[in-house]
Amino acid sequence: MAHIEYQVKVVNGHLVFSPPKRGKERDVPLPDRVAHALRLHSEKFAPVDISLPWLRPDGPTVTGCCSRSSAAGRSDGPWKPVLVEAGVIRAAEARGAA
């Protein structure tokens, strides 16, 4: 189960925190394989606290704990091994092959 309290969005080229879809916190059930892969990922890349404006670039600053996808905080690729392990994509897709 994943508890979703907020999301990060891009507004006018700036990252901001905002409520999740439909403005409601929720618990999202995860298949065991996905939960396991996410747990392994979180062990390698521990969540971090970040501060961003709320709702709009000039909104009040709030701090939240966010999962990250790599040591540098980038999302370009590190999720692919997790998706392969979870059976969401094939290994060939993770390497960029068709």
N, C-alpha and C. Protein backbone atom coordinates (compact mmCIF):
# COMPACT_ATOMS: atom_id res chain seq x y z
N MET A 1 0.84 -1.17 0.00
CA MET A 1 0.00 0.00 0.00
C MET A 1 0.89 1.24 0.00
N ALA A 2 0.58 2.18 -0.85
CA ALA A 2 1.30 3.46 -0.88
C ALA A 2 0.32 4.55 -0.47
N HIS A 3 0.75 5.41 0.45
CA HIS A 3 -0.09 6.52 0.89
C HIS A 3 0.35 7.77 0.12
N ILE A 4 -0.57 8.38 -0.63
CA ILE A 4 -0.27 9.55 -1.44
C ILE A 4 -0.87 10.77 -0.76
N GLU A 5 0.00 11.71 -0.37
CA GLU A 5 -0.46 12.92 0.32
C GLU A 5 -0.43 14.15 -0.59
N TYR A 6 0.51 14.19 -1.53
CA TYR A 6 0.69 15.34 -2.41
C TYR A 6 1.48 14.87 -3.62
N GLN A 7 1.57 15.73 -4.60
CA GLN A 7 2.36 15.43 -5.79
C GLN A 7 3.21 16.64 -6.13
N VAL A 8 4.21 16.42 -6.98
CA VAL A 8 5.02 17.50 -7.50
C VAL A 8 4.59 17.72 -8.94
N LYS A 9 4.30 18.98 -9.25
CA LYS A 9 3.88 19.35 -10.61
C LYS A 9 4.78 20.45 -11.12
N VAL A 10 4.75 20.65 -12.44
CA VAL A 10 5.43 21.78 -13.05
C VAL A 10 4.37 22.81 -13.41
N VAL A 11 4.52 24.02 -12.88
CA VAL A 11 3.61 25.13 -13.15
C VAL A 11 4.44 26.29 -13.66
N ASN A 12 4.18 26.70 -14.89
CA ASN A 12 4.94 27.80 -15.50
C ASN A 12 6.45 27.59 -15.40
N GLY A 13 6.88 26.35 -15.61
CA GLY A 13 8.31 26.03 -15.59
C GLY A 13 8.91 25.87 -14.20
N HIS A 14 8.11 25.90 -13.14
CA HIS A 14 8.59 25.76 -11.77
C HIS A 14 7.94 24.55 -11.11
N LEU A 15 8.73 23.85 -10.29
CA LEU A 15 8.19 22.73 -9.52
C LEU A 15 7.41 23.26 -8.33
N VAL A 16 6.24 22.68 -8.08
CA VAL A 16 5.41 23.04 -6.93
C VAL A 16 4.79 21.78 -6.36
N PHE A 17 4.45 21.81 -5.08
CA PHE A 17 3.64 20.76 -4.48
C PHE A 17 2.18 21.09 -4.77
N SER A 18 1.37 20.05 -4.93
CA SER A 18 -0.07 20.24 -5.09
C SER A 18 -0.78 19.02 -4.54
N PRO A 19 -2.09 19.14 -4.32
CA PRO A 19 -2.83 17.98 -3.84
C PRO A 19 -2.79 16.87 -4.90
N PRO A 20 -2.97 15.63 -4.48
CA PRO A 20 -3.04 14.55 -5.46
C PRO A 20 -4.29 14.68 -6.33
N LYS A 21 -4.40 13.80 -7.28
CA LYS A 21 -5.55 13.78 -8.18
C LYS A 21 -6.86 13.93 -7.41
N ARG A 22 -7.73 14.73 -7.91
CA ARG A 22 -9.05 15.04 -7.30
C ARG A 22 -8.93 15.67 -5.92
N GLY A 23 -7.73 16.14 -5.57
CA GLY A 23 -7.56 16.86 -4.31
C GLY A 23 -7.68 16.02 -3.05
N LYS A 24 -7.56 14.69 -3.17
CA LYS A 24 -7.76 13.82 -2.01
C LYS A 24 -6.53 12.95 -1.75
N GLU A 25 -6.12 12.89 -0.48
CA GLU A 25 -5.11 11.90 -0.10
C GLU A 25 -5.72 10.52 -0.30
N ARG A 26 -4.87 9.55 -0.56
CA ARG A 26 -5.42 8.20 -0.76
C ARG A 26 -4.35 7.15 -0.48
N ASP A 27 -4.83 5.96 -0.23
CA ASP A 27 -3.98 4.78 -0.14
C ASP A 27 -4.17 4.01 -1.44
N VAL A 28 -3.05 3.69 -2.07
CA VAL A 28 -3.08 2.99 -3.35
C VAL A 28 -2.57 1.57 -3.13
N PRO A 29 -3.40 0.57 -3.39
CA PRO A 29 -2.93 -0.81 -3.24
C PRO A 29 -1.87 -1.12 -4.31
N LEU A 30 -0.85 -1.84 -3.90
CA LEU A 30 0.21 -2.24 -4.82
C LEU A 30 0.31 -3.76 -4.85
N PRO A 31 0.50 -4.33 -6.02
CA PRO A 31 0.78 -5.77 -6.07
C PRO A 31 2.07 -6.05 -5.28
N ASP A 32 2.18 -7.23 -4.70
CA ASP A 32 3.34 -7.57 -3.89
C ASP A 32 4.65 -7.34 -4.64
N ARG A 33 4.70 -7.70 -5.93
CA ARG A 33 5.93 -7.52 -6.71
C ARG A 33 6.32 -6.05 -6.82
N VAL A 34 5.34 -5.20 -7.00
CA VAL A 34 5.60 -3.76 -7.12
C VAL A 34 6.03 -3.19 -5.77
N ALA A 35 5.34 -3.58 -4.71
CA ALA A 35 5.69 -3.11 -3.37
C ALA A 35 7.12 -3.53 -3.02
N HIS A 36 7.49 -4.77 -3.37
CA HIS A 36 8.85 -5.26 -3.10
C HIS A 36 9.87 -4.45 -3.89
N ALA A 37 9.60 -4.22 -5.17
CA ALA A 37 10.53 -3.45 -6.01
C ALA A 37 10.66 -2.02 -5.49
N LEU A 38 9.57 -1.43 -5.07
CA LEU A 38 9.60 -0.07 -4.53
C LEU A 38 10.39 -0.03 -3.22
N ARG A 39 10.21 -1.04 -2.38
CA ARG A 39 10.95 -1.12 -1.12
C ARG A 39 12.46 -1.21 -1.40
N LEU A 40 12.86 -2.04 -2.36
CA LEU A 40 14.28 -2.16 -2.71
C LEU A 40 14.81 -0.83 -3.23
N HIS A 41 14.03 -0.18 -4.06
CA HIS A 41 14.45 1.11 -4.61
C HIS A 41 14.62 2.14 -3.48
N SER A 42 13.69 2.16 -2.54
CA SER A 42 13.75 3.11 -1.43
C SER A 42 14.96 2.85 -0.53
N GLU A 43 15.39 1.60 -0.45
CA GLU A 43 16.60 1.29 0.33
C GLU A 43 17.83 1.86 -0.36
N LYS A 44 17.84 1.82 -1.68
CA LYS A 44 18.99 2.33 -2.44
C LYS A 44 18.95 3.86 -2.53
N PHE A 45 17.78 4.43 -2.73
CA PHE A 45 17.61 5.88 -2.87
C PHE A 45 16.59 6.34 -1.83
N ALA A 46 17.07 6.60 -0.63
CA ALA A 46 16.18 6.97 0.47
C ALA A 46 15.40 8.25 0.15
N PRO A 47 14.13 8.32 0.57
CA PRO A 47 13.36 9.55 0.38
C PRO A 47 14.06 10.72 1.08
N VAL A 48 13.84 11.91 0.55
CA VAL A 48 14.45 13.12 1.10
C VAL A 48 13.39 14.19 1.32
N ASP A 49 13.67 15.09 2.25
CA ASP A 49 12.79 16.24 2.47
C ASP A 49 13.16 17.32 1.46
N ILE A 50 12.15 17.87 0.80
CA ILE A 50 12.38 19.00 -0.10
C ILE A 50 11.35 20.08 0.21
N SER A 51 11.71 21.30 -0.06
CA SER A 51 10.82 22.44 0.14
C SER A 51 10.48 23.05 -1.20
N LEU A 52 9.19 23.21 -1.45
CA LEU A 52 8.69 23.78 -2.69
C LEU A 52 7.49 24.67 -2.37
N PRO A 53 7.16 25.58 -3.28
CA PRO A 53 5.94 26.36 -3.08
C PRO A 53 4.71 25.48 -3.22
N TRP A 54 3.62 25.88 -2.57
CA TRP A 54 2.36 25.14 -2.64
C TRP A 54 1.49 25.73 -3.75
N LEU A 55 1.09 24.90 -4.68
CA LEU A 55 0.15 25.18 -5.77
C LEU A 55 0.65 26.09 -6.89
N ARG A 56 1.43 27.11 -6.58
CA ARG A 56 1.87 28.03 -7.62
C ARG A 56 3.28 28.51 -7.26
N PRO A 57 4.05 28.96 -8.25
CA PRO A 57 5.43 29.36 -7.98
C PRO A 57 5.59 30.40 -6.87
N ASP A 58 4.59 31.27 -6.67
CA ASP A 58 4.68 32.27 -5.61
C ASP A 58 3.89 31.87 -4.37
N GLY A 59 3.51 30.60 -4.28
CA GLY A 59 2.75 30.12 -3.13
C GLY A 59 3.62 29.95 -1.90
N PRO A 60 3.01 29.71 -0.75
CA PRO A 60 3.78 29.51 0.48
C PRO A 60 4.65 28.26 0.37
N THR A 61 5.85 28.32 0.91
CA THR A 61 6.77 27.20 0.86
C THR A 61 6.38 26.15 1.90
N VAL A 62 6.34 24.90 1.46
CA VAL A 62 6.08 23.77 2.36
C VAL A 62 7.17 22.73 2.15
N THR A 63 7.38 21.91 3.13
CA THR A 63 8.39 20.86 3.05
C THR A 63 7.69 19.51 3.08
N GLY A 64 8.11 18.63 2.18
CA GLY A 64 7.54 17.29 2.12
C GLY A 64 8.62 16.27 1.89
N CYS A 65 8.35 15.05 2.25
CA CYS A 65 9.27 13.94 2.05
C CYS A 65 8.94 13.30 0.70
N CYS A 66 9.93 13.23 -0.16
CA CYS A 66 9.69 12.72 -1.52
C CYS A 66 10.63 11.58 -1.85
N SER A 67 10.09 10.61 -2.56
CA SER A 67 10.94 9.55 -3.11
C SER A 67 11.72 10.15 -4.25
N ARG A 68 12.88 9.65 -4.47
CA ARG A 68 13.67 10.11 -5.60
C ARG A 68 14.06 8.91 -6.43
N SER A 69 14.48 9.18 -7.64
CA SER A 69 14.73 8.07 -8.54
C SER A 69 16.20 7.76 -8.70
N SER A 70 17.09 8.65 -8.24
CA SER A 70 18.52 8.36 -8.33
C SER A 70 19.25 9.20 -7.29
N ALA A 71 20.52 8.92 -7.11
CA ALA A 71 21.31 9.68 -6.16
C ALA A 71 21.33 11.16 -6.52
N ALA A 72 21.23 11.48 -7.80
CA ALA A 72 21.24 12.87 -8.25
C ALA A 72 19.84 13.46 -8.29
N GLY A 73 18.82 12.63 -8.00
CA GLY A 73 17.45 13.12 -8.01
C GLY A 73 16.83 13.15 -9.38
N ARG A 74 17.50 12.56 -10.38
CA ARG A 74 16.95 12.54 -11.74
C ARG A 74 16.02 11.36 -11.91
N SER A 75 15.12 11.45 -12.88
CA SER A 75 14.19 10.34 -13.14
C SER A 75 14.43 9.72 -14.51
N ASP A 76 15.59 9.98 -15.11
CA ASP A 76 15.84 9.49 -16.46
C ASP A 76 16.51 8.12 -16.47
N GLY A 77 15.75 7.11 -16.16
CA GLY A 77 16.28 5.77 -16.31
C GLY A 77 16.29 4.89 -15.08
N PRO A 78 16.59 5.39 -13.90
CA PRO A 78 16.70 4.48 -12.76
C PRO A 78 15.43 3.71 -12.44
N TRP A 79 14.25 4.20 -12.85
CA TRP A 79 13.02 3.47 -12.59
C TRP A 79 12.88 2.27 -13.51
N LYS A 80 13.58 2.27 -14.63
CA LYS A 80 13.39 1.18 -15.59
C LYS A 80 13.71 -0.19 -15.00
N PRO A 81 14.82 -0.37 -14.24
CA PRO A 81 15.04 -1.69 -13.64
C PRO A 81 13.92 -2.11 -12.69
N VAL A 82 13.34 -1.15 -11.97
CA VAL A 82 12.23 -1.45 -11.07
C VAL A 82 11.02 -1.90 -11.89
N LEU A 83 10.76 -1.22 -13.00
CA LEU A 83 9.63 -1.59 -13.85
C LEU A 83 9.83 -2.97 -14.48
N VAL A 84 11.08 -3.28 -14.84
CA VAL A 84 11.37 -4.62 -15.38
C VAL A 84 11.13 -5.67 -14.31
N GLU A 85 11.68 -5.43 -13.11
CA GLU A 85 11.52 -6.40 -12.02
C GLU A 85 10.05 -6.61 -11.67
N ALA A 86 9.27 -5.55 -11.76
CA ALA A 86 7.85 -5.65 -11.45
C ALA A 86 7.04 -6.24 -12.59
N GLY A 87 7.68 -6.46 -13.74
CA GLY A 87 6.98 -7.04 -14.88
C GLY A 87 6.15 -6.04 -15.66
N VAL A 88 6.37 -4.73 -15.44
CA VAL A 88 5.60 -3.71 -16.14
C VAL A 88 6.13 -3.52 -17.56
N ILE A 89 7.46 -3.56 -17.72
CA ILE A 89 8.07 -3.48 -19.04
C ILE A 89 9.07 -4.60 -19.18
N ARG A 90 9.43 -4.88 -20.43
CA ARG A 90 10.43 -5.91 -20.70
C ARG A 90 11.84 -5.30 -20.60
N ALA A 91 12.83 -6.15 -20.36
CA ALA A 91 14.22 -5.68 -20.27
C ALA A 91 14.65 -4.96 -21.54
N ALA A 92 14.20 -5.44 -22.71
CA ALA A 92 14.55 -4.81 -23.98
C ALA A 92 14.02 -3.38 -24.04
N GLU A 93 12.84 -3.15 -23.50
CA GLU A 93 12.28 -1.79 -23.48
C GLU A 93 13.10 -0.89 -22.58
N ALA A 94 13.61 -1.42 -21.48
CA ALA A 94 14.41 -0.62 -20.56
C ALA A 94 15.71 -0.20 -21.20
N ARG A 95 16.23 -1.02 -22.13
CA ARG A 95 17.47 -0.68 -22.84
C ARG A 95 17.21 0.21 -24.03
N GLY A 96 15.94 0.49 -24.33
CA GLY A 96 15.61 1.33 -25.46
C GLY A 96 15.33 0.56 -26.74
N ALA A 97 15.35 -0.76 -26.68
CA ALA A 97 15.04 -1.57 -27.85
C ALA A 97 13.52 -1.72 -27.99
N ALA A 98 13.08 -2.02 -29.18
CA ALA A 98 11.64 -2.18 -29.41
C ALA A 98 11.13 -3.50 -28.90
